[in-house]
Amino acid sequence: MVIDQDLMAELRRYFGLNLYEVKIWASLLSRGVSTAGELSEISNVPRSRAYDILESLEKKGFVIMKLGKPIKYMAIPPEEVVERAKKHMAKESEKKIERLDSIKQTNLMGSLNKIYSEGIKLMKPNEYSGIVKGRNNVLNHLNSMIKNAKKEVLLVTTEKAMIGKMSNLKKSIISAKKRGVKIKIAAPIKDTKDLLGDLKNYVEFKKTKESAGRFVVIDNSDVLVMLKDFQEVHPNYDTGIWMNSPMLATSLSKTFGKI
């Protein structure tokens, strides 16, 4: 069976399958019921791999193994596959999260921190800088910066960008405020009641007349400056420049005060 390359790419992206899994699954969908050998021939997947692939698809909820000899596999309606795949992915995600959380209590974390600490000592002041690409990575980095803040966080943003980041930053902002960190946000927003919600109790908001760009200053030392307009750039290409520069931080802090 010849599978359209675009369809195959979409199946892999949406369902998290590898190339052989997609080929076997699509072949089974076209037959309804089939043996591993038949599916191997139709999909051009090596016979030695077909059984492993089908076992994997069965565990993920994509196929059902019928009783009897020879062993046959039955396709499941795509709508049902979606629901089963969602449950499987959720369980796998939970397992991965639990596994990562468990690392914190192991010697592995101690070893990693030791390697990092030794590497940091070798870095020069001008090496504390980098490019952060992708909106998710930018938000993750911003969260880390806020979590490490000790005195003050100055955040200048736009209305659309603020809508996109407040829910993501909420936990870090509340935690920082409870540590005694001052959180100040400036943006050209008329009504912040719905946007900030209960965060209004944790931040000091300044309404600006117009957009003043997008940047963050932490403790008058760390800076994250966004290079593109939030509305005009695709999330995958949103980019920020991060650096440890007290001079630039001081300059941007003064800018914040004059907005």
C-alpha atoms as a PDB file:
ATOM      1  CA  MET A   1       0.000   0.000   0.000  1.00  0.00           C
ATOM      2  CA  VAL A   2       1.382   3.403  -0.993  1.00  0.00           C
ATOM      3  CA  ILE A   3       0.721   6.059   1.646  1.00  0.00           C
ATOM      4  CA  ASP A   4       0.703   9.738   0.762  1.00  0.00           C
ATOM      5  CA  GLN A   5       3.803  11.323   2.303  1.00  0.00           C
ATOM      6  CA  ASP A   6       1.886  14.334   3.649  1.00  0.00           C
ATOM      7  CA  LEU A   7      -0.689  12.056   5.302  1.00  0.00           C
ATOM      8  CA  MET A   8       2.083   9.946   6.800  1.00  0.00           C
ATOM      9  CA  ALA A   9       3.791  13.052   8.210  1.00  0.00           C
ATOM     10  CA  GLU A  10       0.521  14.264   9.741  1.00  0.00           C
ATOM     11  CA  LEU A  11      -0.175  10.901  11.361  1.00  0.00           C
ATOM     12  CA  ARG A  12       3.292  10.837  12.871  1.00  0.00           C
ATOM     13  CA  ARG A  13       2.930  14.394  14.182  1.00  0.00           C
ATOM     14  CA  TYR A  14      -0.540  14.062  15.672  1.00  0.00           C
ATOM     15  CA  PHE A  15      -0.293  10.543  17.085  1.00  0.00           C
ATOM     16  CA  GLY A  16       3.382  10.447  18.035  1.00  0.00           C
ATOM     17  CA  LEU A  17       4.104   7.347  15.943  1.00  0.00           C
ATOM     18  CA  ASN A  18       7.295   6.330  14.183  1.00  0.00           C
ATOM     19  CA  LEU A  19       7.483   5.602  10.450  1.00  0.00           C
ATOM     20  CA  TYR A  20       6.938   1.831  10.697  1.00  0.00           C
ATOM     21  CA  GLU A  21       4.009   2.258  13.093  1.00  0.00           C
ATOM     22  CA  VAL A  22       2.272   4.612  10.681  1.00  0.00           C
ATOM     23  CA  LYS A  23       2.775   2.254   7.751  1.00  0.00           C
ATOM     24  CA  ILE A  24       1.469  -0.793   9.623  1.00  0.00           C
ATOM     25  CA  TRP A  25      -1.487   1.082  11.106  1.00  0.00           C
ATOM     26  CA  ALA A  26      -2.551   2.644   7.798  1.00  0.00           C
ATOM     27  CA  SER A  27      -2.259  -0.752   6.110  1.00  0.00           C
ATOM     28  CA  LEU A  28      -4.448  -2.362   8.772  1.00  0.00           C
ATOM     29  CA  LEU A  29      -7.026   0.413   8.422  1.00  0.00           C
ATOM     30  CA  SER A  30      -7.243  -0.393   4.714  1.00  0.00           C
ATOM     31  CA  ARG A  31      -7.818  -4.104   5.396  1.00  0.00           C
ATOM     32  CA  GLY A  32      -9.873  -4.118   8.587  1.00  0.00           C
ATOM     33  CA  VAL A  33      -8.417  -7.454   9.723  1.00  0.00           C
ATOM     34  CA  SER A  34      -5.042  -8.905   8.747  1.00  0.00           C
ATOM     35  CA  THR A  35      -2.050 -10.968   9.863  1.00  0.00           C
ATOM     36  CA  ALA A  36       1.375  -9.569  10.652  1.00  0.00           C
ATOM     37  CA  GLY A  37       2.785 -11.186   7.529  1.00  0.00           C
ATOM     38  CA  GLU A  38       0.151  -9.636   5.259  1.00  0.00           C
ATOM     39  CA  LEU A  39       0.660  -6.217   6.799  1.00  0.00           C
ATOM     40  CA  SER A  40       4.408  -6.556   6.368  1.00  0.00           C
ATOM     41  CA  GLU A  41       3.987  -7.157   2.629  1.00  0.00           C
ATOM     42  CA  ILE A  42       1.436  -4.366   2.157  1.00  0.00           C
ATOM     43  CA  SER A  43       3.373  -1.750   4.104  1.00  0.00           C
ATOM     44  CA  ASN A  44       6.910  -2.741   3.048  1.00  0.00           C
ATOM     45  CA  VAL A  45       7.886  -3.048   6.694  1.00  0.00           C
ATOM     46  CA  PRO A  46      10.378  -5.884   7.410  1.00  0.00           C
ATOM     47  CA  ARG A  47       8.554  -8.965   8.663  1.00  0.00           C
ATOM     48  CA  SER A  48      10.943  -9.228  11.605  1.00  0.00           C
ATOM     49  CA  ARG A  49       9.733  -5.804  12.791  1.00  0.00           C
ATOM     50  CA  ALA A  50       6.020  -6.220  12.054  1.00  0.00           C
ATOM     51  CA  TYR A  51       5.266  -8.204  15.224  1.00  0.00           C
ATOM     52  CA  ASP A  52       7.040  -5.698  17.481  1.00  0.00           C
ATOM     53  CA  ILE A  53       5.286  -2.805  15.746  1.00  0.00           C
ATOM     54  CA  LEU A  54       1.870  -4.421  16.145  1.00  0.00           C
ATOM     55  CA  GLU A  55       2.563  -5.138  19.807  1.00  0.00           C
ATOM     56  CA  SER A  56       3.472  -1.485  20.273  1.00  0.00           C
ATOM     57  CA  LEU A  57       0.318  -0.326  18.471  1.00  0.00           C
ATOM     58  CA  GLU A  58      -1.763  -2.670  20.607  1.00  0.00           C
ATOM     59  CA  LYS A  59      -0.352  -1.189  23.828  1.00  0.00           C
ATOM     60  CA  LYS A  60      -1.097   2.313  22.550  1.00  0.00           C
ATOM     61  CA  GLY A  61      -4.689   1.381  21.745  1.00  0.00           C
ATOM     62  CA  PHE A  62      -4.496   1.493  17.933  1.00  0.00           C
ATOM     63  CA  VAL A  63      -5.259  -2.172  17.184  1.00  0.00           C
ATOM     64  CA  ILE A  64      -6.858  -5.253  18.753  1.00  0.00           C
ATOM     65  CA  MET A  65      -5.328  -8.738  18.569  1.00  0.00           C
ATOM     66  CA  LYS A  66      -7.907 -11.396  17.687  1.00  0.00           C
ATOM     67  CA  LEU A  67      -7.874 -14.838  19.289  1.00  0.00           C
ATOM     68  CA  GLY A  68      -7.067 -17.868  17.184  1.00  0.00           C
ATOM     69  CA  LYS A  69      -4.424 -19.090  14.741  1.00  0.00           C
ATOM     70  CA  PRO A  70      -2.946 -17.562  12.749  1.00  0.00           C
ATOM     71  CA  ILE A  71      -2.914 -14.481  14.934  1.00  0.00           C
ATOM     72  CA  LYS A  72      -4.759 -11.623  13.295  1.00  0.00           C
ATOM     73  CA  TYR A  73      -5.121  -7.968  14.149  1.00  0.00           C
ATOM     74  CA  MET A  74      -8.264  -5.875  13.844  1.00  0.00           C
ATOM     75  CA  ALA A  75      -8.422  -2.156  13.124  1.00  0.00           C
ATOM     76  CA  ILE A  76     -10.203   0.186  15.532  1.00  0.00           C
ATOM     77  CA  PRO A  77     -12.391   3.094  14.288  1.00  0.00           C
ATOM     78  CA  PRO A  78     -10.219   6.256  14.043  1.00  0.00           C
ATOM     79  CA  GLU A  79     -12.529   8.194  16.396  1.00  0.00           C
ATOM     80  CA  GLU A  80     -11.992   5.558  19.075  1.00  0.00           C
ATOM     81  CA  VAL A  81      -8.256   5.522  18.374  1.00  0.00           C
ATOM     82  CA  VAL A  82      -8.083   9.255  19.109  1.00  0.00           C
ATOM     83  CA  GLU A  83      -9.677   8.769  22.524  1.00  0.00           C
ATOM     84  CA  ARG A  84      -7.467   5.783  23.354  1.00  0.00           C
ATOM     85  CA  ALA A  85      -4.357   7.620  22.165  1.00  0.00           C
ATOM     86  CA  LYS A  86      -5.207  10.590  24.386  1.00  0.00           C
ATOM     87  CA  LYS A  87      -5.457   8.356  27.437  1.00  0.00           C
ATOM     88  CA  HIS A  88      -2.210   6.546  26.580  1.00  0.00           C
ATOM     89  CA  MET A  89      -0.343   9.830  26.076  1.00  0.00           C
ATOM     90  CA  ALA A  90      -1.701  11.198  29.351  1.00  0.00           C
ATOM     91  CA  LYS A  91      -0.492   8.118  31.246  1.00  0.00           C
ATOM     92  CA  GLU A  92       2.918   8.245  29.578  1.00  0.00           C
ATOM     93  CA  SER A  93       3.238  11.943  30.391  1.00  0.00           C
ATOM     94  CA  GLU A  94       2.390  11.288  34.027  1.00  0.00           C
ATOM     95  CA  LYS A  95       5.025   8.558  34.204  1.00  0.00           C
ATOM     96  CA  LYS A  96       7.669  10.830  32.655  1.00  0.00           C
ATOM     97  CA  ILE A  97       6.818  13.664  35.039  1.00  0.00           C
ATOM     98  CA  GLU A  98       6.997  11.329  38.050  1.00  0.00           C
ATOM     99  CA  ARG A  99      10.323   9.979  36.803  1.00  0.00           C
ATOM    100  CA  LEU A 100      11.747  13.486  36.437  1.00  0.00           C
ATOM    101  CA  ASP A 101      10.448  14.528  39.866  1.00  0.00           C
ATOM    102  CA  SER A 102      12.087  11.491  41.446  1.00  0.00           C
ATOM    103  CA  ILE A 103      15.497  12.620  40.127  1.00  0.00           C
ATOM    104  CA  LYS A 104      15.510  15.506  42.611  1.00  0.00           C
ATOM    105  CA  GLN A 105      15.991  13.053  45.477  1.00  0.00           C
ATOM    106  CA  THR A 106      18.755  10.995  43.852  1.00  0.00           C
ATOM    107  CA  ASN A 107      22.524  11.179  43.623  1.00  0.00           C
ATOM    108  CA  LEU A 108      22.097  11.946  39.920  1.00  0.00           C
ATOM    109  CA  MET A 109      20.807  15.443  40.717  1.00  0.00           C
ATOM    110  CA  GLY A 110      23.741  16.028  43.026  1.00  0.00           C
ATOM    111  CA  SER A 111      26.142  14.974  40.272  1.00  0.00           C
ATOM    112  CA  LEU A 112      24.447  17.230  37.729  1.00  0.00           C
ATOM    113  CA  ASN A 113      24.548  20.219  40.090  1.00  0.00           C
ATOM    114  CA  LYS A 114      28.228  19.588  40.810  1.00  0.00           C
ATOM    115  CA  ILE A 115      29.065  19.513  37.088  1.00  0.00           C
ATOM    116  CA  TYR A 116      27.044  22.699  36.524  1.00  0.00           C
ATOM    117  CA  SER A 117      28.617  24.537  39.478  1.00  0.00           C
ATOM    118  CA  GLU A 118      32.127  23.719  38.302  1.00  0.00           C
ATOM    119  CA  GLY A 119      31.257  24.873  34.788  1.00  0.00           C
ATOM    120  CA  ILE A 120      29.766  28.151  36.034  1.00  0.00           C
ATOM    121  CA  LYS A 121      32.968  28.986  37.895  1.00  0.00           C
ATOM    122  CA  LEU A 122      34.859  28.858  34.603  1.00  0.00           C
ATOM    123  CA  MET A 123      32.496  31.250  32.820  1.00  0.00           C
ATOM    124  CA  LYS A 124      33.462  34.864  32.258  1.00  0.00           C
ATOM    125  CA  PRO A 125      30.958  37.640  33.058  1.00  0.00           C
ATOM    126  CA  ASN A 126      30.455  38.439  29.363  1.00  0.00           C
ATOM    127  CA  GLU A 127      29.449  34.808  28.708  1.00  0.00           C
ATOM    128  CA  TYR A 128      26.223  35.128  30.707  1.00  0.00           C
ATOM    129  CA  SER A 129      24.096  35.741  27.637  1.00  0.00           C
ATOM    130  CA  GLY A 130      22.181  33.807  25.021  1.00  0.00           C
ATOM    131  CA  ILE A 131      19.374  33.662  22.475  1.00  0.00           C
ATOM    132  CA  VAL A 132      16.082  32.086  23.507  1.00  0.00           C
ATOM    133  CA  LYS A 133      14.019  30.870  20.547  1.00  0.00           C
ATOM    134  CA  GLY A 134      10.363  29.818  20.507  1.00  0.00           C
ATOM    135  CA  ARG A 135       7.557  31.266  22.654  1.00  0.00           C
ATOM    136  CA  ASN A 136       7.378  28.252  24.963  1.00  0.00           C
ATOM    137  CA  ASN A 137      11.116  28.432  25.606  1.00  0.00           C
ATOM    138  CA  VAL A 138      10.869  32.187  26.190  1.00  0.00           C
ATOM    139  CA  LEU A 139       8.096  31.695  28.757  1.00  0.00           C
ATOM    140  CA  ASN A 140      10.034  28.878  30.444  1.00  0.00           C
ATOM    141  CA  HIS A 141      13.130  31.077  30.658  1.00  0.00           C
ATOM    142  CA  LEU A 142      11.084  33.992  31.975  1.00  0.00           C
ATOM    143  CA  ASN A 143       9.595  31.721  34.618  1.00  0.00           C
ATOM    144  CA  SER A 144      13.095  30.690  35.694  1.00  0.00           C
ATOM    145  CA  MET A 145      14.207  34.314  35.900  1.00  0.00           C
ATOM    146  CA  ILE A 146      11.237  35.233  38.102  1.00  0.00           C
ATOM    147  CA  LYS A 147      11.780  32.175  40.309  1.00  0.00           C
ATOM    148  CA  ASN A 148      15.383  33.302  40.920  1.00  0.00           C
ATOM    149  CA  ALA A 149      14.476  36.962  41.531  1.00  0.00           C
ATOM    150  CA  LYS A 150      15.418  38.290  44.965  1.00  0.00           C
ATOM    151  CA  LYS A 151      14.289  41.929  44.985  1.00  0.00           C
ATOM    152  CA  GLU A 152      12.474  43.189  41.911  1.00  0.00           C
ATOM    153  CA  VAL A 153      10.904  42.159  38.601  1.00  0.00           C
ATOM    154  CA  LEU A 154      10.144  44.814  35.968  1.00  0.00           C
ATOM    155  CA  LEU A 155       8.052  43.558  33.061  1.00  0.00           C
ATOM    156  CA  VAL A 156       7.196  45.725  30.035  1.00  0.00           C
ATOM    157  CA  THR A 157       4.874  44.121  27.523  1.00  0.00           C
ATOM    158  CA  THR A 158       1.954  44.593  25.131  1.00  0.00           C
ATOM    159  CA  GLU A 159      -1.708  43.769  25.668  1.00  0.00           C
ATOM    160  CA  LYS A 160      -1.700  40.677  23.424  1.00  0.00           C
ATOM    161  CA  ALA A 161       1.572  39.417  24.880  1.00  0.00           C
ATOM    162  CA  MET A 162       0.288  39.949  28.408  1.00  0.00           C
ATOM    163  CA  ILE A 163      -2.850  37.946  27.660  1.00  0.00           C
ATOM    164  CA  GLY A 164      -0.643  35.148  26.371  1.00  0.00           C
ATOM    165  CA  LYS A 165       1.738  35.014  29.317  1.00  0.00           C
ATOM    166  CA  MET A 166      -0.163  35.828  32.516  1.00  0.00           C
ATOM    167  CA  SER A 167      -1.608  32.358  33.092  1.00  0.00           C
ATOM    168  CA  ASN A 168       1.807  30.838  32.410  1.00  0.00           C
ATOM    169  CA  LEU A 169       3.631  33.155  34.818  1.00  0.00           C
ATOM    170  CA  LYS A 170       0.974  33.245  37.552  1.00  0.00           C
ATOM    171  CA  LYS A 171       2.523  30.616  39.825  1.00  0.00           C
ATOM    172  CA  SER A 172       6.020  32.124  39.592  1.00  0.00           C
ATOM    173  CA  ILE A 173       4.723  35.652  40.214  1.00  0.00           C
ATOM    174  CA  ILE A 174       2.747  34.664  43.321  1.00  0.00           C
ATOM    175  CA  SER A 175       5.696  32.677  44.669  1.00  0.00           C
ATOM    176  CA  ALA A 176       8.083  35.608  44.077  1.00  0.00           C
ATOM    177  CA  LYS A 177       5.723  38.069  45.769  1.00  0.00           C
ATOM    178  CA  LYS A 178       5.505  35.824  48.823  1.00  0.00           C
ATOM    179  CA  ARG A 179       9.326  35.908  48.992  1.00  0.00           C
ATOM    180  CA  GLY A 180       9.168  39.697  49.198  1.00  0.00           C
ATOM    181  CA  VAL A 181       9.984  40.396  45.539  1.00  0.00           C
ATOM    182  CA  LYS A 182       8.375  43.515  44.037  1.00  0.00           C
ATOM    183  CA  ILE A 183       6.585  42.750  40.749  1.00  0.00           C
ATOM    184  CA  LYS A 184       5.943  45.709  38.462  1.00  0.00           C
ATOM    185  CA  ILE A 185       4.243  45.416  35.067  1.00  0.00           C
ATOM    186  CA  ALA A 186       3.762  48.119  32.426  1.00  0.00           C
ATOM    187  CA  ALA A 187       1.566  47.725  29.341  1.00  0.00           C
ATOM    188  CA  PRO A 188      -0.888  49.750  27.197  1.00  0.00           C
ATOM    189  CA  ILE A 189      -4.015  48.145  28.657  1.00  0.00           C
ATOM    190  CA  LYS A 190      -7.201  50.051  29.478  1.00  0.00           C
ATOM    191  CA  ASP A 191      -8.911  47.538  31.741  1.00  0.00           C
ATOM    192  CA  THR A 192      -6.776  45.108  33.731  1.00  0.00           C
ATOM    193  CA  LYS A 193      -9.543  43.724  35.938  1.00  0.00           C
ATOM    194  CA  ASP A 194     -10.327  40.679  33.803  1.00  0.00           C
ATOM    195  CA  LEU A 195      -6.782  40.290  32.530  1.00  0.00           C
ATOM    196  CA  LEU A 196      -4.977  40.279  35.866  1.00  0.00           C
ATOM    197  CA  GLY A 197      -7.729  38.686  37.933  1.00  0.00           C
ATOM    198  CA  ASP A 198      -6.425  37.806  41.407  1.00  0.00           C
ATOM    199  CA  LEU A 199      -2.891  38.695  40.262  1.00  0.00           C
ATOM    200  CA  LYS A 200      -3.756  42.346  40.883  1.00  0.00           C
ATOM    201  CA  ASN A 201      -3.034  41.594  44.546  1.00  0.00           C
ATOM    202  CA  TYR A 202       0.513  40.538  43.707  1.00  0.00           C
ATOM    203  CA  VAL A 203       1.673  43.059  41.089  1.00  0.00           C
ATOM    204  CA  GLU A 204       1.969  46.817  40.724  1.00  0.00           C
ATOM    205  CA  PHE A 205       0.540  47.738  37.328  1.00  0.00           C
ATOM    206  CA  LYS A 206       1.390  50.814  35.245  1.00  0.00           C
ATOM    207  CA  LYS A 207      -0.828  51.704  32.290  1.00  0.00           C
ATOM    208  CA  THR A 208       1.165  53.128  29.366  1.00  0.00           C
ATOM    209  CA  LYS A 209      -0.161  55.365  26.595  1.00  0.00           C
ATOM    210  CA  GLU A 210       1.502  53.276  23.887  1.00  0.00           C
ATOM    211  CA  SER A 211       3.620  50.188  23.435  1.00  0.00           C
ATOM    212  CA  ALA A 212       7.127  50.456  24.853  1.00  0.00           C
ATOM    213  CA  GLY A 213       8.340  47.120  23.539  1.00  0.00           C
ATOM    214  CA  ARG A 214       8.764  43.865  25.425  1.00  0.00           C
ATOM    215  CA  PHE A 215      11.493  43.401  28.006  1.00  0.00           C
ATOM    216  CA  VAL A 216      12.112  42.128  31.530  1.00  0.00           C
ATOM    217  CA  VAL A 217      14.612  43.305  34.127  1.00  0.00           C
ATOM    218  CA  ILE A 218      15.389  41.166  37.176  1.00  0.00           C
ATOM    219  CA  ASP A 219      17.138  42.637  40.251  1.00  0.00           C
ATOM    220  CA  ASN A 220      18.722  45.364  38.134  1.00  0.00           C
ATOM    221  CA  SER A 221      21.018  42.687  36.698  1.00  0.00           C
ATOM    222  CA  ASP A 222      19.413  40.114  34.368  1.00  0.00           C
ATOM    223  CA  VAL A 223      17.658  41.268  31.204  1.00  0.00           C
ATOM    224  CA  LEU A 224      15.461  39.551  28.627  1.00  0.00           C
ATOM    225  CA  VAL A 225      14.619  41.655  25.565  1.00  0.00           C
ATOM    226  CA  MET A 226      12.153  40.425  22.942  1.00  0.00           C
ATOM    227  CA  LEU A 227      13.120  41.148  19.346  1.00  0.00           C
ATOM    228  CA  LYS A 228       9.794  40.822  17.536  1.00  0.00           C
ATOM    229  CA  ASP A 229       6.209  42.061  17.742  1.00  0.00           C
ATOM    230  CA  PHE A 230       4.068  39.500  19.577  1.00  0.00           C
ATOM    231  CA  GLN A 231       1.202  39.737  17.081  1.00  0.00           C
ATOM    232  CA  GLU A 232       3.319  39.615  13.944  1.00  0.00           C
ATOM    233  CA  VAL A 233       5.594  36.677  14.708  1.00  0.00           C
ATOM    234  CA  HIS A 234       4.719  32.983  14.735  1.00  0.00           C
ATOM    235  CA  PRO A 235       5.161  31.473  18.239  1.00  0.00           C
ATOM    236  CA  ASN A 236       7.921  29.184  16.939  1.00  0.00           C
ATOM    237  CA  TYR A 237       9.961  32.213  15.817  1.00  0.00           C
ATOM    238  CA  ASP A 238       9.435  34.467  18.808  1.00  0.00           C
ATOM    239  CA  THR A 239      12.954  35.319  19.991  1.00  0.00           C
ATOM    240  CA  GLY A 240      14.504  36.922  23.036  1.00  0.00           C
ATOM    241  CA  ILE A 241      18.021  37.988  23.975  1.00  0.00           C
ATOM    242  CA  TRP A 242      18.974  37.161  27.554  1.00  0.00           C
ATOM    243  CA  MET A 243      22.014  38.627  29.271  1.00  0.00           C
ATOM    244  CA  ASN A 244      23.472  39.425  32.646  1.00  0.00           C
ATOM    245  CA  SER A 245      24.301  43.108  32.221  1.00  0.00           C
ATOM    246  CA  PRO A 246      23.916  45.479  35.191  1.00  0.00           C
ATOM    247  CA  MET A 247      24.611  48.451  32.904  1.00  0.00           C
ATOM    248  CA  LEU A 248      21.820  47.575  30.451  1.00  0.00           C
ATOM    249  CA  ALA A 249      19.540  46.561  33.327  1.00  0.00           C
ATOM    250  CA  THR A 250      20.018  49.958  34.977  1.00  0.00           C
ATOM    251  CA  SER A 251      19.285  51.731  31.697  1.00  0.00           C
ATOM    252  CA  LEU A 252      16.097  49.747  31.104  1.00  0.00           C
ATOM    253  CA  SER A 253      15.020  50.244  34.742  1.00  0.00           C
ATOM    254  CA  LYS A 254      15.248  53.997  34.171  1.00  0.00           C
ATOM    255  CA  THR A 255      13.208  53.582  30.999  1.00  0.00           C
ATOM    256  CA  PHE A 256      10.581  51.707  32.988  1.00  0.00           C
ATOM    257  CA  GLY A 257      10.405  54.578  35.457  1.00  0.00           C
ATOM    258  CA  LYS A 258       9.846  57.119  32.675  1.00  0.00           C
ATOM    259  CA  ILE A 259       7.111  55.177  30.825  1.00  0.00           C
END
